[in-house]
Amino acid sequence: MGHVIVVDLGFGDAGKGTVVDWLCSRGPEPVHAVVRFNGGAQAAHNVVAPDGRHHTFAQFGSGTFVPGVRTHLSRFMLVDPLALAAEAAHLRDLGVHDALDRLTVDRGALLTTPYHRAANRARESARGGARHGSCGMGIGETVAYSLAHVDAPRAGDCLSPARLRRGLTAVRDWYREEFPGGEAVPPVDDCVDAFTAFAERVRIVGEEHLHHLLRTGDVVFEGAQGVLLDEWHGFHPYTTWSTTTFANADTLLAEAGVAPGSATRLGVLRTYATRHGPGPFVTEDPALTADLPDRHNGTGPWQGAFRVGHLDAVALRYALDVTGPVDALAVTHLDVAQERTDLKLCVAYEGMERIPVHPAGDLEAQAALTERLLTARPVYAPLTSNPLATISEALDTPVALGSYGPTAFDKSRAYSFGELGRQTRRSAM
């Protein structure tokens, strides 16, 4: 199989976790590690084991139910030690007692602290009705703080209590200055104790560790959120402070000397569209929102409502244009498509057949695009009784995996991964 990069082509919640779990537990070749390459504790990748155990993976790789599969948090991850400890505790309750033993963290990964989280919630609350739909976990504030402060706390600082204390004190003081009268936050000493305990429990490593993992066996790179929320190519300002495309994984592979194009690039999507919180959603259908509740997703105090609509080939083609070549698709929720004959496929928007791609960093152009999409109207065609063929044709990309339920046993390979060579790649060349 070789290395595989898993990316969500939509607004998130397409089923990356269940796909990663399948790759690790029942895929064509053994996987020995999952590498997380963007996002942080706000990720919510749901995995249901065949015996009914359910866990929402945030920082641990979604292959952790599989004995022996390791997790590596790359330098592109935002690491929240407190949330990680809570996640490890839930995994222990489910019988996974060695999750922390199988975890490594790059020393360069930024740390998300209670001060970032409090700032995130204060800023989002101040927006009132103009909220962006944050998860309230401090992700954007962690990145923004690091861009303005070269001494932003990183995982490696947890190995030096004095340096860690200076960094955490600076973040706390920044929070108090930015949001006087904001919510109460824990003392710095308490955070220092918790973060140093984290460093004593997990292995904090340099970049050479990932290079070793990649030479040792097959690795799955697990992305977070979705391409349509990307910090540069998403519909500003309803985006994340994270690169959600293949770019970070490509960088890590290149640094390790892995040949370009040798990793399989897998794009994940549902047979219908979903979005959490505000922002453009051209194919949203209130009837589907009412009829297709998601047991693992709902309205959150920070994200907002969980919205449902019809499959949007226009938005998905834009995601493919943004990400570059994609080898194959993994299509989830096919059981829903079998049961619902009223699902549709959006093939165009009135007056727009393709969403334009702007240069990365042009947020003014992205904001103008957002305004245009907020009033766009979909043009529909039937999804048909063969959704895999319809989706593959609409996106000009082969389907490698179909998912008909939540567990790894509910998945079916449409093509052998070994057959997905460069000749199948969707490319603009």
Protein backbone atom coordinates (compact mmCIF):
# COMPACT_ATOMS: atom_id res chain seq x y z
CA MET A 1 0.00 0.00 0.00
CA GLY A 2 2.76 2.46 0.90
CA HIS A 3 2.11 5.70 2.77
CA VAL A 4 -1.41 7.19 2.51
CA ILE A 5 -2.54 10.78 3.12
CA VAL A 6 -6.19 11.15 4.18
CA VAL A 7 -7.87 14.53 3.57
CA ASP A 8 -11.51 15.61 3.89
CA LEU A 9 -12.69 17.32 0.68
CA GLY A 10 -15.66 19.06 2.28
CA PHE A 11 -16.34 21.10 5.41
CA GLY A 12 -15.21 18.30 7.73
CA ASP A 13 -17.14 15.41 9.33
CA ALA A 14 -16.92 13.30 6.15
CA GLY A 15 -15.54 10.24 7.96
CA LYS A 16 -11.75 10.60 8.03
CA GLY A 17 -11.57 8.75 11.32
CA THR A 18 -13.42 5.67 10.14
CA VAL A 19 -11.34 5.58 6.94
CA VAL A 20 -8.08 5.78 8.92
CA ASP A 21 -9.34 3.05 11.26
CA TRP A 22 -10.06 0.81 8.24
CA LEU A 23 -6.64 1.47 6.73
CA CYS A 24 -5.01 0.48 10.03
CA SER A 25 -7.20 -2.52 10.87
CA ARG A 26 -8.29 -4.06 7.57
CA GLY A 27 -6.39 -2.25 4.82
CA PRO A 28 -4.32 -4.01 2.17
CA GLU A 29 -1.05 -3.80 4.14
CA PRO A 30 -0.16 -3.36 7.84
CA VAL A 31 0.09 0.23 9.08
CA HIS A 32 2.42 0.86 11.99
CA ALA A 33 1.81 4.57 12.66
CA VAL A 34 -0.64 7.42 12.13
CA VAL A 35 0.81 10.90 11.70
CA ARG A 36 -1.35 13.91 12.49
CA PHE A 37 -0.39 16.87 10.31
CA ASN A 38 -2.76 19.74 11.07
CA GLY A 39 -5.30 21.01 13.55
CA GLY A 40 -5.40 20.17 17.22
CA ALA A 41 -7.78 19.21 19.98
CA GLN A 42 -10.77 20.56 18.03
CA ALA A 43 -10.71 17.55 15.69
CA ALA A 44 -13.60 15.12 16.16
CA HIS A 45 -12.95 11.89 14.25
CA ASN A 46 -15.48 9.28 15.27
CA VAL A 47 -14.52 5.61 15.24
CA VAL A 48 -16.81 2.73 16.17
CA ALA A 49 -15.13 -0.63 16.79
CA PRO A 50 -16.86 -3.86 15.70
CA ASP A 51 -17.62 -4.60 19.37
CA GLY A 52 -19.50 -1.28 19.71
CA ARG A 53 -16.86 0.81 21.47
CA HIS A 54 -16.94 4.41 20.29
CA HIS A 55 -14.33 7.12 20.66
CA THR A 56 -14.10 10.60 19.20
CA PHE A 57 -10.43 10.98 18.29
CA ALA A 58 -9.04 14.49 18.65
CA GLN A 59 -5.28 14.27 19.02
CA PHE A 60 -4.60 10.54 19.03
CA GLY A 61 -4.57 8.93 15.61
CA SER A 62 -7.80 7.20 14.61
CA GLY A 63 -5.94 3.89 14.31
CA THR A 64 -5.39 3.71 18.07
CA PHE A 65 -7.99 0.96 18.58
CA VAL A 66 -5.66 -1.29 16.56
CA PRO A 67 -3.01 -2.82 18.84
CA GLY A 68 0.50 -1.61 18.10
CA VAL A 69 -0.41 1.30 15.82
CA ARG A 70 1.45 4.39 16.99
CA THR A 71 0.50 8.08 16.85
CA HIS A 72 2.95 10.84 16.00
CA LEU A 73 1.94 14.47 16.42
CA SER A 74 4.01 16.39 13.88
CA ARG A 75 5.25 19.94 14.28
CA PHE A 76 2.18 21.13 12.35
CA MET A 77 -0.10 19.93 15.15
CA LEU A 78 -1.34 22.15 17.97
CA VAL A 79 -0.97 20.07 21.12
CA ASP A 80 -3.26 20.56 24.11
CA PRO A 81 -1.82 18.46 26.97
CA LEU A 82 -4.91 18.84 29.16
CA ALA A 83 -7.29 17.70 26.42
CA LEU A 84 -4.86 14.91 25.53
CA ALA A 85 -4.93 13.60 29.10
CA ALA A 86 -8.73 13.56 29.07
CA GLU A 87 -8.74 11.72 25.74
CA ALA A 88 -6.26 9.14 27.04
CA ALA A 89 -8.48 8.60 30.09
CA HIS A 90 -11.49 7.85 27.87
CA LEU A 91 -9.44 5.41 25.80
CA ARG A 92 -8.39 3.66 29.04
CA ASP A 93 -12.06 3.33 29.97
CA LEU A 94 -12.56 1.60 26.59
CA GLY A 95 -9.75 -0.86 27.26
CA VAL A 96 -6.93 0.93 25.41
CA HIS A 97 -4.41 1.26 28.24
CA ASP A 98 -1.26 1.99 26.23
CA ALA A 99 -2.33 4.94 24.06
CA LEU A 100 0.18 7.28 25.70
CA ASP A 101 2.92 4.67 25.41
CA ARG A 102 2.35 4.64 21.65
CA LEU A 103 2.41 8.44 21.32
CA THR A 104 5.27 10.70 20.23
CA VAL A 105 5.18 14.48 19.90
CA ASP A 106 7.46 16.68 17.81
CA ARG A 107 9.23 19.18 20.02
CA GLY A 108 8.32 21.98 17.61
CA ALA A 109 4.54 21.53 17.93
CA LEU A 110 2.77 24.58 19.35
CA LEU A 111 1.06 24.21 22.72
CA THR A 112 -2.57 25.18 23.19
CA THR A 113 -3.18 26.39 26.75
CA PRO A 114 -6.22 27.31 28.86
CA TYR A 115 -5.31 30.96 28.15
CA HIS A 116 -5.62 30.46 24.39
CA ARG A 117 -8.92 28.68 24.90
CA ALA A 118 -10.32 31.46 27.09
CA ALA A 119 -9.22 34.09 24.56
CA ASN A 120 -10.87 32.13 21.74
CA ARG A 121 -14.20 32.05 23.54
CA ALA A 122 -14.03 35.70 24.55
CA ARG A 123 -13.26 36.81 21.00
CA GLU A 124 -15.99 34.66 19.48
CA SER A 125 -18.55 35.85 22.03
CA ALA A 126 -17.66 39.47 21.23
CA ARG A 127 -18.65 38.85 17.59
CA GLY A 128 -22.25 38.31 18.63
CA GLY A 129 -24.39 37.43 15.62
CA ALA A 130 -21.34 37.61 13.34
CA ARG A 131 -19.65 34.55 14.84
CA HIS A 132 -17.28 32.59 12.63
CA GLY A 133 -18.23 29.21 14.06
CA SER A 134 -15.14 28.44 16.15
CA CYS A 135 -14.91 25.18 18.11
CA GLY A 136 -13.93 27.21 21.19
CA MET A 137 -10.78 25.15 21.74
CA GLY A 138 -8.22 27.93 21.28
CA ILE A 139 -6.89 26.81 17.90
CA GLY A 140 -6.96 30.17 16.12
CA GLU A 141 -5.60 31.99 19.14
CA THR A 142 -2.71 29.53 19.42
CA VAL A 143 -1.68 30.19 15.82
CA ALA A 144 -2.27 33.95 15.98
CA TYR A 145 -0.24 34.25 19.18
CA SER A 146 2.65 32.30 17.64
CA LEU A 147 2.72 34.63 14.63
CA ALA A 148 3.08 37.64 16.91
CA HIS A 149 5.40 36.10 19.55
CA VAL A 150 8.51 34.16 18.61
CA ASP A 151 8.64 32.65 22.11
CA ALA A 152 5.19 31.03 21.88
CA PRO A 153 5.19 27.82 23.98
CA ARG A 154 6.01 24.60 22.15
CA ALA A 155 6.03 20.96 23.17
CA GLY A 156 9.80 20.97 23.66
CA ASP A 157 9.43 23.66 26.32
CA CYS A 158 7.70 21.12 28.56
CA LEU A 159 11.14 19.54 29.07
CA SER A 160 12.38 22.81 30.65
CA PRO A 161 10.12 23.97 33.52
CA ALA A 162 11.77 27.39 33.77
CA ARG A 163 11.36 28.12 30.07
CA LEU A 164 7.82 26.70 30.15
CA ARG A 165 6.88 28.94 33.07
CA ARG A 166 8.13 32.04 31.23
CA GLY A 167 6.17 31.11 28.13
CA LEU A 168 2.95 30.33 29.96
CA THR A 169 3.20 33.49 32.04
CA ALA A 170 3.55 35.54 28.88
CA VAL A 171 0.45 33.92 27.34
CA ARG A 172 -1.57 34.46 30.52
CA ASP A 173 -0.53 38.11 30.71
CA TRP A 174 -1.41 38.59 27.03
CA TYR A 175 -4.86 37.10 27.64
CA ARG A 176 -5.53 39.37 30.60
CA GLU A 177 -4.46 42.44 28.62
CA GLU A 178 -6.52 41.48 25.58
CA PHE A 179 -9.65 40.53 27.52
CA PRO A 180 -9.82 42.34 30.87
CA GLY A 181 -12.68 40.88 32.85
CA GLY A 182 -12.61 37.67 30.81
CA GLU A 183 -13.33 34.24 32.23
CA ALA A 184 -11.17 32.95 35.07
CA VAL A 185 -8.15 30.88 34.07
CA PRO A 186 -5.95 28.51 36.09
CA PRO A 187 -2.74 29.71 37.76
CA VAL A 188 0.46 29.38 35.77
CA ASP A 189 1.96 27.03 38.35
CA ASP A 190 -0.91 24.59 37.87
CA CYS A 191 -0.36 24.60 34.11
CA VAL A 192 3.39 24.14 34.54
CA ASP A 193 2.79 21.10 36.75
CA ALA A 194 0.32 19.60 34.26
CA PHE A 195 2.49 20.25 31.21
CA THR A 196 5.68 18.91 32.79
CA ALA A 197 3.75 15.78 33.84
CA PHE A 198 2.72 15.47 30.18
CA ALA A 199 6.39 15.62 29.14
CA GLU A 200 7.28 12.92 31.66
CA ARG A 201 4.57 10.62 30.32
CA VAL A 202 5.05 10.92 26.54
CA ARG A 203 8.10 10.96 24.27
CA ILE A 204 8.92 14.40 22.90
CA VAL A 205 11.14 13.92 19.87
CA GLY A 206 12.96 15.69 17.07
CA GLU A 207 12.13 15.59 13.36
CA GLU A 208 14.40 12.57 12.80
CA HIS A 209 11.84 10.40 14.61
CA LEU A 210 9.30 10.84 11.83
CA HIS A 211 11.97 10.06 9.24
CA HIS A 212 12.57 6.77 11.06
CA LEU A 213 8.85 5.97 11.15
CA LEU A 214 8.58 6.51 7.41
CA ARG A 215 11.50 4.18 6.74
CA THR A 216 10.19 1.48 9.09
CA GLY A 217 6.81 0.74 7.49
CA ASP A 218 3.57 2.09 6.08
CA VAL A 219 2.27 5.29 7.65
CA VAL A 220 -1.15 6.95 7.37
CA PHE A 221 -1.20 10.76 7.48
CA GLU A 222 -4.48 11.84 9.07
CA GLY A 223 -5.76 15.32 8.29
CA ALA A 224 -8.24 17.33 10.33
CA GLN A 225 -11.31 19.36 9.29
CA GLY A 226 -11.87 19.84 5.54
CA VAL A 227 -10.43 21.53 2.47
CA LEU A 228 -13.39 23.91 2.23
CA LEU A 229 -12.37 25.29 5.65
CA ASP A 230 -8.71 25.78 4.71
CA GLU A 231 -7.10 28.92 6.16
CA TRP A 232 -6.19 30.25 2.70
CA HIS A 233 -8.60 28.55 0.30
CA GLY A 234 -11.69 28.27 2.48
CA PHE A 235 -14.54 30.77 2.35
CA HIS A 236 -13.20 33.57 4.54
CA PRO A 237 -13.89 34.38 7.34
CA TYR A 238 -15.68 31.07 8.03
CA THR A 239 -12.46 29.09 8.04
CA THR A 240 -9.94 27.45 10.34
CA TRP A 241 -6.43 28.62 11.24
CA SER A 242 -4.99 25.49 9.70
CA THR A 243 -3.80 24.15 6.36
CA THR A 244 -6.30 21.39 5.62
CA THR A 245 -4.96 20.32 2.22
CA PHE A 246 -2.20 17.77 1.52
CA ALA A 247 0.47 20.50 1.80
CA ASN A 248 1.74 19.81 5.33
CA ALA A 249 1.95 16.06 4.72
CA ASP A 250 3.77 16.69 1.45
CA THR A 251 6.29 18.85 3.32
CA LEU A 252 6.92 16.20 5.97
CA LEU A 253 7.40 13.51 3.34
CA ALA A 254 9.77 15.68 1.31
CA GLU A 255 11.86 16.49 4.39
CA ALA A 256 12.20 12.76 5.04
CA GLY A 257 13.44 12.18 1.51
CA VAL A 258 10.33 10.32 0.34
CA ALA A 259 9.98 10.52 -3.43
CA PRO A 260 7.31 12.99 -4.61
CA GLY A 261 4.10 11.27 -5.67
CA SER A 262 4.87 7.98 -3.93
CA ALA A 263 2.24 8.37 -1.21
CA THR A 264 -1.40 7.67 -2.09
CA ARG A 265 -3.54 10.80 -1.76
CA LEU A 266 -7.02 9.85 -0.57
CA GLY A 267 -9.90 12.34 -0.55
CA VAL A 268 -12.87 11.60 1.75
CA LEU A 269 -16.48 12.70 1.21
CA ARG A 270 -20.00 11.70 2.22
CA THR A 271 -22.80 10.86 -0.20
CA TYR A 272 -24.42 14.06 1.03
CA ALA A 273 -22.98 17.34 2.29
CA THR A 274 -22.68 18.62 5.85
CA ARG A 275 -21.42 21.75 7.54
CA HIS A 276 -21.00 22.71 11.18
CA GLY A 277 -21.79 26.33 11.99
CA PRO A 278 -22.18 29.47 9.84
CA GLY A 279 -20.85 30.16 6.36
CA PRO A 280 -21.74 29.42 2.74
CA PHE A 281 -23.53 26.11 2.14
CA VAL A 282 -25.11 26.27 -1.32
CA THR A 283 -26.85 22.87 -1.20
CA GLU A 284 -28.20 23.12 2.35
CA ASP A 285 -31.64 21.53 2.68
CA PRO A 286 -33.51 22.07 5.98
CA ALA A 287 -35.57 18.94 5.28
CA LEU A 288 -32.41 16.83 5.18
CA THR A 289 -31.13 18.48 8.37
CA ALA A 290 -34.32 17.40 10.08
CA ASP A 291 -34.40 13.91 8.55
CA LEU A 292 -30.70 13.00 8.77
CA PRO A 293 -29.55 13.66 12.32
CA ASP A 294 -25.98 12.58 13.05
CA ARG A 295 -25.57 10.67 16.30
CA HIS A 296 -22.01 11.96 16.70
CA ASN A 297 -22.61 15.55 15.58
CA GLY A 298 -25.08 18.14 16.74
CA THR A 299 -25.46 21.79 17.65
CA GLY A 300 -22.56 22.99 19.79
CA PRO A 301 -22.28 26.13 21.94
CA TRP A 302 -19.38 27.43 19.82
CA GLN A 303 -19.61 25.70 16.45
CA GLY A 304 -23.32 26.26 16.02
CA ALA A 305 -25.79 23.99 14.26
CA PHE A 306 -24.94 20.84 12.30
CA ARG A 307 -26.33 21.49 8.80
CA VAL A 308 -27.12 18.96 6.06
CA GLY A 309 -27.54 19.32 2.31
CA HIS A 310 -27.15 17.56 -1.02
CA LEU A 311 -23.83 16.47 -2.48
CA ASP A 312 -22.11 19.44 -4.12
CA ALA A 313 -19.89 18.49 -7.07
CA VAL A 314 -19.06 22.16 -7.69
CA ALA A 315 -17.60 22.62 -4.20
CA LEU A 316 -15.84 19.25 -4.39
CA ARG A 317 -14.26 20.11 -7.75
CA TYR A 318 -13.02 23.32 -6.15
CA ALA A 319 -11.51 21.27 -3.31
CA LEU A 320 -9.76 19.06 -5.86
CA ASP A 321 -8.47 22.12 -7.72
CA VAL A 322 -7.09 23.48 -4.44
CA THR A 323 -5.44 20.28 -3.23
CA GLY A 324 -3.81 19.29 -6.49
CA PRO A 325 -3.68 15.67 -7.66
CA VAL A 326 -5.84 13.17 -5.77
CA ASP A 327 -5.32 9.47 -6.41
CA ALA A 328 -8.67 8.18 -5.22
CA LEU A 329 -11.80 8.86 -3.21
CA ALA A 330 -13.20 7.23 -0.10
CA VAL A 331 -16.99 7.66 -0.07
CA THR A 332 -18.81 7.26 3.25
CA HIS A 333 -22.48 7.02 4.28
CA LEU A 334 -23.40 4.89 1.27
CA ASP A 335 -26.00 3.19 3.47
CA VAL A 336 -27.82 6.54 3.65
CA ALA A 337 -27.75 6.85 -0.14
CA GLN A 338 -29.25 3.37 -0.42
CA GLU A 339 -32.12 4.32 1.86
CA ARG A 340 -32.77 7.84 0.58
CA THR A 341 -33.88 8.10 -3.02
CA ASP A 342 -34.36 11.87 -2.67
CA LEU A 343 -30.64 12.69 -2.44
CA LYS A 344 -29.39 14.89 -5.29
CA LEU A 345 -26.13 15.95 -6.88
CA CYS A 346 -25.43 19.63 -7.47
CA VAL A 347 -23.74 19.83 -10.89
CA ALA A 348 -23.54 23.63 -11.19
CA TYR A 349 -24.58 26.90 -9.60
CA GLU A 350 -26.82 29.24 -11.56
CA GLY A 351 -24.40 31.42 -13.52
CA MET A 352 -21.34 29.57 -12.21
CA GLU A 353 -20.06 26.15 -13.25
CA ARG A 354 -16.76 26.31 -11.38
CA ILE A 355 -15.56 28.14 -8.27
CA PRO A 356 -12.46 30.21 -9.10
CA VAL A 357 -9.20 29.47 -7.29
CA HIS A 358 -7.35 32.54 -6.02
CA PRO A 359 -3.68 32.71 -5.00
CA ALA A 360 -3.07 31.57 -1.43
CA GLY A 361 -3.14 34.49 0.97
CA ASP A 362 -5.58 36.67 -0.95
CA LEU A 363 -8.18 36.79 1.82
CA GLU A 364 -9.90 39.81 0.28
CA ALA A 365 -10.67 37.74 -2.82
CA GLN A 366 -11.80 34.84 -0.63
CA ALA A 367 -14.14 37.12 1.31
CA ALA A 368 -15.64 38.39 -1.96
CA LEU A 369 -16.07 34.76 -3.05
CA THR A 370 -17.85 34.04 0.21
CA GLU A 371 -20.35 36.82 -0.44
CA ARG A 372 -21.00 35.41 -3.90
CA LEU A 373 -21.52 31.87 -2.59
CA LEU A 374 -23.92 33.03 0.13
CA THR A 375 -26.45 33.87 -2.61
CA ALA A 376 -25.59 31.09 -5.10
CA ARG A 377 -28.36 28.74 -6.18
CA PRO A 378 -27.76 25.07 -6.99
CA VAL A 379 -28.58 23.22 -10.21
CA TYR A 380 -29.39 19.61 -9.41
CA ALA A 381 -29.28 16.21 -11.09
CA PRO A 382 -30.26 12.85 -9.55
CA LEU A 383 -27.59 11.12 -7.47
CA THR A 384 -28.83 7.91 -9.18
CA SER A 385 -28.98 4.37 -7.84
CA ASN A 386 -25.23 3.95 -8.37
CA PRO A 387 -23.73 6.80 -6.33
CA LEU A 388 -20.16 5.52 -6.54
CA ALA A 389 -20.15 5.62 -10.34
CA THR A 390 -21.94 8.99 -10.37
CA ILE A 391 -19.49 10.55 -7.91
CA SER A 392 -16.44 9.12 -9.67
CA GLU A 393 -17.62 10.46 -13.02
CA ALA A 394 -18.59 13.87 -11.64
CA LEU A 395 -15.19 14.33 -9.99
CA ASP A 396 -13.14 12.50 -12.62
CA THR A 397 -11.47 10.46 -9.86
CA PRO A 398 -11.65 6.72 -9.07
CA VAL A 399 -13.28 5.51 -5.87
CA ALA A 400 -10.99 3.28 -3.82
CA LEU A 401 -13.19 2.69 -0.77
CA GLY A 402 -16.91 2.65 -0.05
CA SER A 403 -18.29 2.81 3.48
CA TYR A 404 -21.75 1.45 4.31
CA GLY A 405 -21.60 1.86 8.08
CA PRO A 406 -19.50 3.02 11.03
CA THR A 407 -17.15 0.07 11.55
CA ALA A 408 -14.17 -1.22 9.59
CA PHE A 409 -16.24 -4.28 8.60
CA ASP A 410 -18.73 -1.98 6.85
CA LYS A 411 -16.14 -0.90 4.28
CA SER A 412 -15.57 -2.31 0.79
CA ARG A 413 -12.63 -1.73 -1.53
CA ALA A 414 -13.61 -0.63 -5.01
CA TYR A 415 -10.05 -0.79 -6.36
CA SER A 416 -6.79 -2.26 -5.16
CA PHE A 417 -4.55 0.45 -3.73
CA GLY A 418 -1.71 -1.06 -5.72
CA GLU A 419 -3.55 -0.20 -8.94
CA LEU A 420 -3.78 3.48 -8.06
CA GLY A 421 -0.69 4.72 -9.83
CA ARG A 422 0.09 8.10 -11.21
CA GLN A 423 -1.86 7.32 -14.36
CA THR A 424 -5.11 7.52 -12.32
CA ARG A 425 -4.28 10.88 -10.79
CA ARG A 426 -6.56 13.77 -11.36
CA SER A 427 -4.20 16.45 -12.63
CA ALA A 428 -4.47 19.74 -14.41
CA MET A 429 -1.32 18.99 -16.40
